[in-house]
Amino acid sequence: MRTTMKTNVMTNTDLRVSLLFQLFWVFVRIGPVTFGGGYAMIPMIEREISAKRKWLGEEEMDEILSLAGAAPGGVGVNAAAFIGYRLAGVKGAIAAIAGITIPTFIIVCLLSAVYSQLADQPKVIAAMKGIHGAVIALILVAAYRMAKNAIFDKTTAVTAIVIPVVLLVFGINPIYVIAIGLIIGFVYLPIKQLLGLQVRMEKESLNDSDEESNYPEYYI
């Protein structure tokens, strides 16, 4: 019996170590190949964590990404920390953060040294303009993916339309906008319940096969 218990403990330890390594490796792959910062990383994070490995459901991923965007700091690093902690506690958060930051830090240091010498070269300038366009596309894809699940009724649709206008026109600090969103969420639910209206807190789930078809890279 002691031998069986010892074997089970070793198996659980091996599984935890394996998960930590997988978390580290996933984010090592994401960080260096995702230009444009945190929001550009979101489509790849969703593909790797939710669509490909099925570690977290789509709804939980949406909540984590919302928290990552609302919390101070970079969205990519925040998302890595939340996902790592959700899957493997503090050690998982450390593994995910290390994976997403270490290779990127090394690459940025190398690029900084090279870019300072080549910044005025026409080919380098052209490459930077191409990267800018690709980053905009990645951010738009991330926004689209989040909007598909976050906008599911008139209230969320109106909120999603009005808040960007408020940010652009009035230049309000984003932290106040986040607070306004919290208030809207807290107020709108009891009002709908009071009026006897149907209350929905999330979008209806889609078939897994439909979700996978949204990720062409899933089959690579």
C-alpha atoms as a PDB file:
ATOM      1  CA  MET A   1       0.000   0.000   0.000  1.00  0.00           C
ATOM      2  CA  ARG A   2       2.871   2.370   0.814  1.00  0.00           C
ATOM      3  CA  THR A   3       4.379   1.594  -2.577  1.00  0.00           C
ATOM      4  CA  THR A   4       1.074   2.473  -4.282  1.00  0.00           C
ATOM      5  CA  MET A   5       0.779   5.755  -2.369  1.00  0.00           C
ATOM      6  CA  LYS A   6       4.381   6.622  -3.218  1.00  0.00           C
ATOM      7  CA  THR A   7       3.719   5.863  -6.896  1.00  0.00           C
ATOM      8  CA  ASN A   8       0.615   8.095  -6.877  1.00  0.00           C
ATOM      9  CA  VAL A   9       2.541  10.953  -5.299  1.00  0.00           C
ATOM     10  CA  MET A  10       5.291  10.607  -7.885  1.00  0.00           C
ATOM     11  CA  THR A  11       2.728  10.499 -10.693  1.00  0.00           C
ATOM     12  CA  ASN A  12       0.995  13.664  -9.451  1.00  0.00           C
ATOM     13  CA  THR A  13       4.352  15.411  -9.115  1.00  0.00           C
ATOM     14  CA  ASP A  14       5.322  14.381 -12.639  1.00  0.00           C
ATOM     15  CA  LEU A  15       2.011  15.687 -13.972  1.00  0.00           C
ATOM     16  CA  ARG A  16       2.489  19.059 -12.240  1.00  0.00           C
ATOM     17  CA  VAL A  17       6.045  19.372 -13.544  1.00  0.00           C
ATOM     18  CA  SER A  18       4.850  18.424 -17.038  1.00  0.00           C
ATOM     19  CA  LEU A  19       2.093  21.068 -16.911  1.00  0.00           C
ATOM     20  CA  LEU A  20       4.546  23.725 -15.734  1.00  0.00           C
ATOM     21  CA  PHE A  21       6.909  22.881 -18.579  1.00  0.00           C
ATOM     22  CA  GLN A  22       4.049  22.944 -21.097  1.00  0.00           C
ATOM     23  CA  LEU A  23       2.911  26.354 -19.822  1.00  0.00           C
ATOM     24  CA  PHE A  24       6.451  27.681 -20.105  1.00  0.00           C
ATOM     25  CA  TRP A  25       6.890  26.246 -23.603  1.00  0.00           C
ATOM     26  CA  VAL A  26       3.543  27.543 -24.906  1.00  0.00           C
ATOM     27  CA  PHE A  27       4.317  31.102 -23.842  1.00  0.00           C
ATOM     28  CA  VAL A  28       7.936  30.835 -25.012  1.00  0.00           C
ATOM     29  CA  ARG A  29       6.512  30.178 -28.479  1.00  0.00           C
ATOM     30  CA  ILE A  30       3.946  32.967 -28.280  1.00  0.00           C
ATOM     31  CA  GLY A  31       6.161  35.814 -27.061  1.00  0.00           C
ATOM     32  CA  PRO A  32       8.907  36.009 -29.718  1.00  0.00           C
ATOM     33  CA  VAL A  33       6.638  35.629 -32.762  1.00  0.00           C
ATOM     34  CA  THR A  34       3.916  38.099 -31.773  1.00  0.00           C
ATOM     35  CA  PHE A  35       4.750  41.654 -32.797  1.00  0.00           C
ATOM     36  CA  GLY A  36       2.754  44.549 -31.392  1.00  0.00           C
ATOM     37  CA  GLY A  37       2.433  43.834 -27.699  1.00  0.00           C
ATOM     38  CA  GLY A  38      -0.278  42.268 -25.597  1.00  0.00           C
ATOM     39  CA  TYR A  39      -3.373  42.771 -27.720  1.00  0.00           C
ATOM     40  CA  ALA A  40      -1.616  41.282 -30.738  1.00  0.00           C
ATOM     41  CA  MET A  41      -0.894  38.190 -28.603  1.00  0.00           C
ATOM     42  CA  ILE A  42      -4.538  37.543 -27.728  1.00  0.00           C
ATOM     43  CA  PRO A  43      -5.521  35.562 -30.875  1.00  0.00           C
ATOM     44  CA  MET A  44      -2.513  33.286 -30.460  1.00  0.00           C
ATOM     45  CA  ILE A  45      -3.095  32.842 -26.709  1.00  0.00           C
ATOM     46  CA  GLU A  46      -6.727  31.896 -27.359  1.00  0.00           C
ATOM     47  CA  ARG A  47      -5.724  29.438 -30.064  1.00  0.00           C
ATOM     48  CA  GLU A  48      -3.060  27.708 -27.960  1.00  0.00           C
ATOM     49  CA  ILE A  49      -4.869  27.628 -24.598  1.00  0.00           C
ATOM     50  CA  SER A  50      -8.528  27.289 -25.535  1.00  0.00           C
ATOM     51  CA  ALA A  51      -8.895  25.979 -29.088  1.00  0.00           C
ATOM     52  CA  LYS A  52      -5.872  23.712 -29.432  1.00  0.00           C
ATOM     53  CA  ARG A  53      -5.135  22.351 -25.947  1.00  0.00           C
ATOM     54  CA  LYS A  54      -8.605  22.760 -24.392  1.00  0.00           C
ATOM     55  CA  TRP A  55      -7.075  23.825 -21.071  1.00  0.00           C
ATOM     56  CA  LEU A  56      -9.730  26.505 -20.553  1.00  0.00           C
ATOM     57  CA  GLY A  57     -13.171  27.022 -22.016  1.00  0.00           C
ATOM     58  CA  GLU A  58     -13.962  29.929 -24.287  1.00  0.00           C
ATOM     59  CA  GLU A  59     -16.067  31.719 -21.673  1.00  0.00           C
ATOM     60  CA  GLU A  60     -13.347  31.451 -19.035  1.00  0.00           C
ATOM     61  CA  MET A  61     -10.764  32.695 -21.539  1.00  0.00           C
ATOM     62  CA  ASP A  62     -12.926  35.732 -22.284  1.00  0.00           C
ATOM     63  CA  GLU A  63     -13.161  36.536 -18.574  1.00  0.00           C
ATOM     64  CA  ILE A  64      -9.392  36.151 -18.114  1.00  0.00           C
ATOM     65  CA  LEU A  65      -8.641  38.375 -21.102  1.00  0.00           C
ATOM     66  CA  SER A  66     -11.082  41.004 -19.825  1.00  0.00           C
ATOM     67  CA  LEU A  67      -9.333  41.000 -16.449  1.00  0.00           C
ATOM     68  CA  ALA A  68      -5.931  41.108 -18.161  1.00  0.00           C
ATOM     69  CA  GLY A  69      -6.985  44.192 -20.119  1.00  0.00           C
ATOM     70  CA  ALA A  70      -8.437  45.934 -17.075  1.00  0.00           C
ATOM     71  CA  ALA A  71      -5.508  45.203 -14.731  1.00  0.00           C
ATOM     72  CA  PRO A  72      -2.385  47.402 -14.656  1.00  0.00           C
ATOM     73  CA  GLY A  73       0.508  46.285 -16.843  1.00  0.00           C
ATOM     74  CA  GLY A  74       0.860  44.618 -20.222  1.00  0.00           C
ATOM     75  CA  VAL A  75      -2.123  42.604 -21.441  1.00  0.00           C
ATOM     76  CA  GLY A  76       0.005  39.689 -22.652  1.00  0.00           C
ATOM     77  CA  VAL A  77       1.921  39.310 -19.396  1.00  0.00           C
ATOM     78  CA  ASN A  78      -1.262  39.730 -17.352  1.00  0.00           C
ATOM     79  CA  ALA A  79      -3.038  37.079 -19.403  1.00  0.00           C
ATOM     80  CA  ALA A  80      -0.089  34.696 -19.004  1.00  0.00           C
ATOM     81  CA  ALA A  81      -0.110  35.232 -15.229  1.00  0.00           C
ATOM     82  CA  PHE A  82      -3.871  34.648 -14.921  1.00  0.00           C
ATOM     83  CA  ILE A  83      -3.819  31.554 -17.131  1.00  0.00           C
ATOM     84  CA  GLY A  84      -0.779  30.081 -15.386  1.00  0.00           C
ATOM     85  CA  TYR A  85      -2.289  30.679 -11.950  1.00  0.00           C
ATOM     86  CA  ARG A  86      -5.639  29.221 -13.010  1.00  0.00           C
ATOM     87  CA  LEU A  87      -4.011  26.032 -14.286  1.00  0.00           C
ATOM     88  CA  ALA A  88      -1.159  25.464 -11.817  1.00  0.00           C
ATOM     89  CA  GLY A  89      -1.262  28.064  -9.037  1.00  0.00           C
ATOM     90  CA  VAL A  90       1.625  30.402  -8.249  1.00  0.00           C
ATOM     91  CA  LYS A  91       4.208  28.129  -9.909  1.00  0.00           C
ATOM     92  CA  GLY A  92       2.090  28.082 -13.059  1.00  0.00           C
ATOM     93  CA  ALA A  93       1.918  31.882 -13.091  1.00  0.00           C
ATOM     94  CA  ILE A  94       5.704  32.099 -12.692  1.00  0.00           C
ATOM     95  CA  ALA A  95       6.269  29.566 -15.498  1.00  0.00           C
ATOM     96  CA  ALA A  96       3.909  31.380 -17.878  1.00  0.00           C
ATOM     97  CA  ILE A  97       5.356  34.828 -17.113  1.00  0.00           C
ATOM     98  CA  ALA A  98       8.911  33.528 -17.523  1.00  0.00           C
ATOM     99  CA  GLY A  99       7.980  31.934 -20.834  1.00  0.00           C
ATOM    100  CA  ILE A 100       6.426  35.070 -22.298  1.00  0.00           C
ATOM    101  CA  THR A 101       9.024  37.552 -21.032  1.00  0.00           C
ATOM    102  CA  ILE A 102      12.477  35.928 -21.141  1.00  0.00           C
ATOM    103  CA  PRO A 103      12.801  35.316 -24.902  1.00  0.00           C
ATOM    104  CA  THR A 104      11.093  38.615 -25.710  1.00  0.00           C
ATOM    105  CA  PHE A 105      13.455  40.489 -23.387  1.00  0.00           C
ATOM    106  CA  ILE A 106      16.481  38.913 -25.082  1.00  0.00           C
ATOM    107  CA  ILE A 107      15.153  39.717 -28.562  1.00  0.00           C
ATOM    108  CA  VAL A 108      14.343  43.322 -27.627  1.00  0.00           C
ATOM    109  CA  CYS A 109      17.860  43.829 -26.254  1.00  0.00           C
ATOM    110  CA  LEU A 110      19.373  42.483 -29.477  1.00  0.00           C
ATOM    111  CA  LEU A 111      17.019  44.513 -31.681  1.00  0.00           C
ATOM    112  CA  SER A 112      17.753  47.686 -29.714  1.00  0.00           C
ATOM    113  CA  ALA A 113      21.475  47.286 -30.324  1.00  0.00           C
ATOM    114  CA  VAL A 114      20.980  46.618 -34.049  1.00  0.00           C
ATOM    115  CA  TYR A 115      18.177  49.129 -34.661  1.00  0.00           C
ATOM    116  CA  SER A 116      20.178  52.047 -33.297  1.00  0.00           C
ATOM    117  CA  GLN A 117      22.727  51.379 -36.071  1.00  0.00           C
ATOM    118  CA  LEU A 118      20.284  50.697 -38.909  1.00  0.00           C
ATOM    119  CA  ALA A 119      17.308  52.945 -38.110  1.00  0.00           C
ATOM    120  CA  ASP A 120      17.925  55.238 -41.105  1.00  0.00           C
ATOM    121  CA  GLN A 121      18.204  52.453 -43.666  1.00  0.00           C
ATOM    122  CA  PRO A 122      15.346  52.507 -46.236  1.00  0.00           C
ATOM    123  CA  LYS A 123      14.794  48.735 -45.987  1.00  0.00           C
ATOM    124  CA  VAL A 124      14.528  48.903 -42.205  1.00  0.00           C
ATOM    125  CA  ILE A 125      12.028  51.796 -42.432  1.00  0.00           C
ATOM    126  CA  ALA A 126       9.965  49.818 -44.965  1.00  0.00           C
ATOM    127  CA  ALA A 127      10.055  46.723 -42.725  1.00  0.00           C
ATOM    128  CA  MET A 128       8.799  48.771 -39.758  1.00  0.00           C
ATOM    129  CA  LYS A 129       5.884  50.119 -41.800  1.00  0.00           C
ATOM    130  CA  GLY A 130       4.952  46.581 -42.804  1.00  0.00           C
ATOM    131  CA  ILE A 131       5.074  45.452 -39.185  1.00  0.00           C
ATOM    132  CA  HIS A 132       2.824  48.368 -38.175  1.00  0.00           C
ATOM    133  CA  GLY A 133       0.176  47.212 -40.641  1.00  0.00           C
ATOM    134  CA  ALA A 134       0.379  43.616 -39.440  1.00  0.00           C
ATOM    135  CA  VAL A 135       0.047  44.725 -35.801  1.00  0.00           C
ATOM    136  CA  ILE A 136      -3.113  46.694 -36.592  1.00  0.00           C
ATOM    137  CA  ALA A 137      -4.585  43.590 -38.214  1.00  0.00           C
ATOM    138  CA  LEU A 138      -3.720  41.425 -35.191  1.00  0.00           C
ATOM    139  CA  ILE A 139      -5.322  43.916 -32.816  1.00  0.00           C
ATOM    140  CA  LEU A 140      -8.472  44.044 -34.954  1.00  0.00           C
ATOM    141  CA  VAL A 141      -8.653  40.228 -34.931  1.00  0.00           C
ATOM    142  CA  ALA A 142      -8.329  40.250 -31.127  1.00  0.00           C
ATOM    143  CA  ALA A 143     -11.069  42.875 -30.846  1.00  0.00           C
ATOM    144  CA  TYR A 144     -13.333  40.873 -33.134  1.00  0.00           C
ATOM    145  CA  ARG A 145     -12.769  37.649 -31.179  1.00  0.00           C
ATOM    146  CA  MET A 146     -13.548  39.333 -27.864  1.00  0.00           C
ATOM    147  CA  ALA A 147     -16.564  41.200 -29.260  1.00  0.00           C
ATOM    148  CA  LYS A 148     -18.108  37.988 -30.610  1.00  0.00           C
ATOM    149  CA  ASN A 149     -18.495  36.656 -27.083  1.00  0.00           C
ATOM    150  CA  ALA A 150     -18.795  39.869 -25.068  1.00  0.00           C
ATOM    151  CA  ILE A 151     -21.591  41.453 -27.129  1.00  0.00           C
ATOM    152  CA  PHE A 152     -24.741  39.368 -26.794  1.00  0.00           C
ATOM    153  CA  ASP A 153     -27.620  41.813 -26.157  1.00  0.00           C
ATOM    154  CA  LYS A 154     -28.605  45.474 -26.629  1.00  0.00           C
ATOM    155  CA  THR A 155     -26.954  46.637 -23.395  1.00  0.00           C
ATOM    156  CA  THR A 156     -23.556  45.178 -24.214  1.00  0.00           C
ATOM    157  CA  ALA A 157     -23.829  46.399 -27.822  1.00  0.00           C
ATOM    158  CA  VAL A 158     -24.638  49.974 -26.784  1.00  0.00           C
ATOM    159  CA  THR A 159     -21.863  49.922 -24.179  1.00  0.00           C
ATOM    160  CA  ALA A 160     -19.335  48.692 -26.746  1.00  0.00           C
ATOM    161  CA  ILE A 161     -20.320  51.481 -29.167  1.00  0.00           C
ATOM    162  CA  VAL A 162     -20.593  54.367 -26.702  1.00  0.00           C
ATOM    163  CA  ILE A 163     -17.431  53.796 -24.632  1.00  0.00           C
ATOM    164  CA  PRO A 164     -14.935  54.060 -27.551  1.00  0.00           C
ATOM    165  CA  VAL A 165     -16.666  57.280 -28.621  1.00  0.00           C
ATOM    166  CA  VAL A 166     -16.371  58.659 -25.084  1.00  0.00           C
ATOM    167  CA  LEU A 167     -12.687  57.716 -24.977  1.00  0.00           C
ATOM    168  CA  LEU A 168     -11.918  59.327 -28.336  1.00  0.00           C
ATOM    169  CA  VAL A 169     -13.996  62.487 -27.906  1.00  0.00           C
ATOM    170  CA  PHE A 170     -13.503  63.319 -24.241  1.00  0.00           C
ATOM    171  CA  GLY A 171     -10.144  61.673 -23.556  1.00  0.00           C
ATOM    172  CA  ILE A 172     -11.306  60.211 -20.246  1.00  0.00           C
ATOM    173  CA  ASN A 173      -8.821  58.127 -18.261  1.00  0.00           C
ATOM    174  CA  PRO A 174      -9.437  54.424 -19.090  1.00  0.00           C
ATOM    175  CA  ILE A 175      -9.700  53.546 -15.386  1.00  0.00           C
ATOM    176  CA  TYR A 176     -12.854  55.673 -15.168  1.00  0.00           C
ATOM    177  CA  VAL A 177     -14.246  53.927 -18.237  1.00  0.00           C
ATOM    178  CA  ILE A 178     -13.623  50.539 -16.590  1.00  0.00           C
ATOM    179  CA  ALA A 179     -15.421  51.783 -13.464  1.00  0.00           C
ATOM    180  CA  ILE A 180     -18.348  52.963 -15.606  1.00  0.00           C
ATOM    181  CA  GLY A 181     -18.504  49.514 -17.205  1.00  0.00           C
ATOM    182  CA  LEU A 182     -18.641  47.899 -13.759  1.00  0.00           C
ATOM    183  CA  ILE A 183     -21.470  50.203 -12.689  1.00  0.00           C
ATOM    184  CA  ILE A 184     -23.417  49.475 -15.876  1.00  0.00           C
ATOM    185  CA  GLY A 185     -23.046  45.747 -15.240  1.00  0.00           C
ATOM    186  CA  PHE A 186     -24.171  46.004 -11.615  1.00  0.00           C
ATOM    187  CA  VAL A 187     -27.123  48.276 -12.384  1.00  0.00           C
ATOM    188  CA  TYR A 188     -28.490  46.721 -15.550  1.00  0.00           C
ATOM    189  CA  LEU A 189     -28.967  43.219 -14.130  1.00  0.00           C
ATOM    190  CA  PRO A 190     -31.298  44.114 -11.213  1.00  0.00           C
ATOM    191  CA  ILE A 191     -33.242  46.537 -13.425  1.00  0.00           C
ATOM    192  CA  LYS A 192     -33.950  43.804 -15.976  1.00  0.00           C
ATOM    193  CA  GLN A 193     -34.927  41.417 -13.173  1.00  0.00           C
ATOM    194  CA  LEU A 194     -37.208  44.065 -11.686  1.00  0.00           C
ATOM    195  CA  LEU A 195     -38.921  44.591 -15.040  1.00  0.00           C
ATOM    196  CA  GLY A 196     -39.381  40.854 -15.468  1.00  0.00           C
ATOM    197  CA  LEU A 197     -37.194  40.731 -18.579  1.00  0.00           C
ATOM    198  CA  GLN A 198     -35.116  37.740 -19.568  1.00  0.00           C
ATOM    199  CA  VAL A 199     -31.615  37.964 -18.115  1.00  0.00           C
ATOM    200  CA  ARG A 200     -28.687  36.568 -20.065  1.00  0.00           C
ATOM    201  CA  MET A 201     -25.152  36.805 -18.707  1.00  0.00           C
ATOM    202  CA  GLU A 202     -23.314  35.304 -21.666  1.00  0.00           C
ATOM    203  CA  LYS A 203     -23.613  34.412 -25.316  1.00  0.00           C
ATOM    204  CA  GLU A 204     -24.991  31.038 -26.266  1.00  0.00           C
ATOM    205  CA  SER A 205     -22.147  28.547 -26.661  1.00  0.00           C
ATOM    206  CA  LEU A 206     -21.242  27.387 -30.131  1.00  0.00           C
ATOM    207  CA  ASN A 207     -20.378  23.932 -31.367  1.00  0.00           C
ATOM    208  CA  ASP A 208     -16.730  23.042 -30.804  1.00  0.00           C
ATOM    209  CA  SER A 209     -16.273  22.195 -34.475  1.00  0.00           C
ATOM    210  CA  ASP A 210     -17.495  25.669 -35.433  1.00  0.00           C
ATOM    211  CA  GLU A 211     -15.058  27.238 -32.994  1.00  0.00           C
ATOM    212  CA  GLU A 212     -12.109  25.284 -34.344  1.00  0.00           C
ATOM    213  CA  SER A 213     -12.916  26.371 -37.908  1.00  0.00           C
ATOM    214  CA  ASN A 214     -12.267  29.980 -36.804  1.00  0.00           C
ATOM    215  CA  TYR A 215      -8.602  29.089 -36.248  1.00  0.00           C
ATOM    216  CA  PRO A 216      -6.909  28.106 -39.537  1.00  0.00           C
ATOM    217  CA  GLU A 217      -3.659  27.570 -37.589  1.00  0.00           C
ATOM    218  CA  TYR A 218      -5.403  24.900 -35.487  1.00  0.00           C
ATOM    219  CA  TYR A 219      -4.720  22.328 -38.213  1.00  0.00           C
ATOM    220  CA  ILE A 220      -1.038  23.258 -38.676  1.00  0.00           C
END
